[in-house]
Each structure stands twice: as C-alpha cells, then as structure tokens.
Amino acid sequence: MNDTTQDAVNNEQERPALPDRLSVNPRSPHYVKEIFQYDVGITLNGKDRFDVEEYCISEGWVKVAAAKALDRRGQPLLMTLKGTVTAFYR
C-alpha cells in the first residue's frame, strides 16, 4: 500500500463507532462531539439525506427541520420521518 491508502485505513480505524441514536444539537443528551469531527452520512429508505438533525437506527426514524418554523426558544421545529435508517462515515 502507498502512504495515502495507508492513511485512509488508519483514519477509518480511529473513527469512533456510530451510535444507535445521534443528534447534531449540543443541548441534546444524544450529542457526541467526537463523531462530528468526521463527515457522517444518513440514508433514509435508500436515499441520502443532508438535512437530518437527529436519527435513531433501531427505531427507524430521522428528524428534519420543518421549513423555517422555529419554536419559542428559537430552535427549528422538527418533523419525524420513518423508514429504514443507515448511518455511515463518508
């Protein structure tokens, strides 16, 4: 192996395992700072999603922002979409 492929293999080994449930909101108990050092991809029902705020693989749902609507604390309102969820590192 050359140096670039060796570095790619080492980076994959150093990445933390993706949890069953993860949130991008630092206030959430499901937020894991170490995960967000890497680019995480989410697939819902076979389609890549780029707007996911939170996901749960075992329960089969993702939460996405509902347009421009905000709650009383200024956080985006979230819609829950159900289906087959897959999380992966890009």
C-alpha atoms as a PDB file:
ATOM      1  CA  MET A   1       0.000   0.000   0.000  1.00  0.00           C
ATOM      2  CA  ASN A   2       1.122   3.520  -0.649  1.00  0.00           C
ATOM      3  CA  ASP A   3       1.101   6.237   2.014  1.00  0.00           C
ATOM      4  CA  THR A   4      -2.278   7.761   1.068  1.00  0.00           C
ATOM      5  CA  THR A   5      -4.155   4.455   1.224  1.00  0.00           C
ATOM      6  CA  GLN A   6      -2.388   3.606   4.492  1.00  0.00           C
ATOM      7  CA  ASP A   7      -3.508   6.967   5.948  1.00  0.00           C
ATOM      8  CA  ALA A   8      -7.088   6.305   4.823  1.00  0.00           C
ATOM      9  CA  VAL A   9      -7.051   2.890   6.525  1.00  0.00           C
ATOM     10  CA  ASN A  10      -5.650   4.407   9.733  1.00  0.00           C
ATOM     11  CA  ASN A  11      -8.303   7.169   9.723  1.00  0.00           C
ATOM     12  CA  GLU A  12     -11.098   4.594   9.403  1.00  0.00           C
ATOM     13  CA  GLN A  13      -9.705   2.631  12.342  1.00  0.00           C
ATOM     14  CA  GLU A  14      -9.505   5.763  14.530  1.00  0.00           C
ATOM     15  CA  ARG A  15     -13.109   6.813  13.941  1.00  0.00           C
ATOM     16  CA  PRO A  16     -15.484   6.161  16.833  1.00  0.00           C
ATOM     17  CA  ALA A  17     -18.337   3.734  16.198  1.00  0.00           C
ATOM     18  CA  LEU A  18     -21.558   5.442  15.146  1.00  0.00           C
ATOM     19  CA  PRO A  19     -24.169   5.251  17.916  1.00  0.00           C
ATOM     20  CA  ASP A  20     -27.727   3.965  17.500  1.00  0.00           C
ATOM     21  CA  ARG A  21     -29.050   7.467  18.182  1.00  0.00           C
ATOM     22  CA  LEU A  22     -27.277  10.728  17.408  1.00  0.00           C
ATOM     23  CA  SER A  23     -28.219  14.411  17.430  1.00  0.00           C
ATOM     24  CA  VAL A  24     -26.476  17.474  15.966  1.00  0.00           C
ATOM     25  CA  ASN A  25     -27.834  19.712  18.760  1.00  0.00           C
ATOM     26  CA  PRO A  26     -25.197  20.191  21.517  1.00  0.00           C
ATOM     27  CA  ARG A  27     -28.005  20.527  24.107  1.00  0.00           C
ATOM     28  CA  SER A  28     -29.236  17.011  23.398  1.00  0.00           C
ATOM     29  CA  PRO A  29     -28.146  14.043  25.561  1.00  0.00           C
ATOM     30  CA  HIS A  30     -27.569  12.176  22.265  1.00  0.00           C
ATOM     31  CA  TYR A  31     -24.919  14.626  21.020  1.00  0.00           C
ATOM     32  CA  VAL A  32     -21.410  13.133  20.688  1.00  0.00           C
ATOM     33  CA  LYS A  33     -18.786  15.757  19.879  1.00  0.00           C
ATOM     34  CA  GLU A  34     -16.134  13.244  18.718  1.00  0.00           C
ATOM     35  CA  ILE A  35     -18.410  11.941  15.932  1.00  0.00           C
ATOM     36  CA  PHE A  36     -18.749  15.370  14.303  1.00  0.00           C
ATOM     37  CA  GLN A  37     -15.024  15.639  13.623  1.00  0.00           C
ATOM     38  CA  TYR A  38     -15.844  13.415  10.638  1.00  0.00           C
ATOM     39  CA  ASP A  39     -18.422  13.706   7.865  1.00  0.00           C
ATOM     40  CA  VAL A  40     -21.428  11.496   8.707  1.00  0.00           C
ATOM     41  CA  GLY A  41     -23.941  10.426   6.076  1.00  0.00           C
ATOM     42  CA  ILE A  42     -27.548   9.347   6.666  1.00  0.00           C
ATOM     43  CA  THR A  43     -29.671   7.276   4.327  1.00  0.00           C
ATOM     44  CA  LEU A  44     -33.451   7.026   4.813  1.00  0.00           C
ATOM     45  CA  ASN A  45     -35.233   4.410   2.702  1.00  0.00           C
ATOM     46  CA  GLY A  46     -32.287   4.205   0.313  1.00  0.00           C
ATOM     47  CA  LYS A  47     -31.961   7.966  -0.289  1.00  0.00           C
ATOM     48  CA  ASP A  48     -29.209  10.167   1.118  1.00  0.00           C
ATOM     49  CA  ARG A  49     -30.482  12.910   3.420  1.00  0.00           C
ATOM     50  CA  PHE A  50     -28.488  16.076   4.044  1.00  0.00           C
ATOM     51  CA  ASP A  51     -30.936  17.804   6.411  1.00  0.00           C
ATOM     52  CA  VAL A  52     -31.054  15.328   9.315  1.00  0.00           C
ATOM     53  CA  GLU A  53     -30.953  16.862  12.807  1.00  0.00           C
ATOM     54  CA  GLU A  54     -31.287  13.583  14.749  1.00  0.00           C
ATOM     55  CA  TYR A  55     -31.633   9.895  13.934  1.00  0.00           C
ATOM     56  CA  CYS A  56     -32.356   6.565  15.613  1.00  0.00           C
ATOM     57  CA  ILE A  57     -31.434   3.418  13.698  1.00  0.00           C
ATOM     58  CA  SER A  58     -33.184   0.859  15.933  1.00  0.00           C
ATOM     59  CA  GLU A  59     -36.497   2.746  15.967  1.00  0.00           C
ATOM     60  CA  GLY A  60     -36.252   3.675  12.259  1.00  0.00           C
ATOM     61  CA  TRP A  61     -36.706   7.453  12.242  1.00  0.00           C
ATOM     62  CA  VAL A  62     -34.934  10.704  11.461  1.00  0.00           C
ATOM     63  CA  LYS A  63     -35.839  14.232  12.479  1.00  0.00           C
ATOM     64  CA  VAL A  64     -35.527  17.054   9.972  1.00  0.00           C
ATOM     65  CA  ALA A  65     -36.219  20.779  10.242  1.00  0.00           C
ATOM     66  CA  ALA A  66     -39.743  21.801   9.196  1.00  0.00           C
ATOM     67  CA  ALA A  67     -39.144  24.668   6.752  1.00  0.00           C
ATOM     68  CA  LYS A  68     -38.398  27.975   8.504  1.00  0.00           C
ATOM     69  CA  ALA A  69     -40.604  27.390  11.552  1.00  0.00           C
ATOM     70  CA  LEU A  70     -38.987  27.961  14.962  1.00  0.00           C
ATOM     71  CA  ASP A  71     -40.086  27.025  18.461  1.00  0.00           C
ATOM     72  CA  ARG A  72     -40.296  29.550  21.295  1.00  0.00           C
ATOM     73  CA  ARG A  73     -36.583  29.068  22.090  1.00  0.00           C
ATOM     74  CA  GLY A  74     -35.523  29.844  18.523  1.00  0.00           C
ATOM     75  CA  GLN A  75     -34.741  26.219  17.658  1.00  0.00           C
ATOM     76  CA  PRO A  76     -36.100  24.761  14.404  1.00  0.00           C
ATOM     77  CA  LEU A  77     -39.291  22.721  14.636  1.00  0.00           C
ATOM     78  CA  LEU A  78     -38.560  19.114  13.730  1.00  0.00           C
ATOM     79  CA  MET A  79     -40.594  16.622  11.700  1.00  0.00           C
ATOM     80  CA  THR A  80     -40.141  12.892  12.220  1.00  0.00           C
ATOM     81  CA  LEU A  81     -39.770  10.743   9.106  1.00  0.00           C
ATOM     82  CA  LYS A  82     -39.924   6.964   9.469  1.00  0.00           C
ATOM     83  CA  GLY A  83     -38.261   4.210   7.478  1.00  0.00           C
ATOM     84  CA  THR A  84     -35.031   2.262   7.193  1.00  0.00           C
ATOM     85  CA  VAL A  85     -32.177   4.389   8.561  1.00  0.00           C
ATOM     86  CA  THR A  86     -28.496   3.826   7.807  1.00  0.00           C
ATOM     87  CA  ALA A  87     -25.631   5.938   9.189  1.00  0.00           C
ATOM     88  CA  PHE A  88     -22.132   5.864   7.751  1.00  0.00           C
ATOM     89  CA  TYR A  89     -18.897   7.826   7.507  1.00  0.00           C
ATOM     90  CA  ARG A  90     -18.269   9.448   4.134  1.00  0.00           C
END
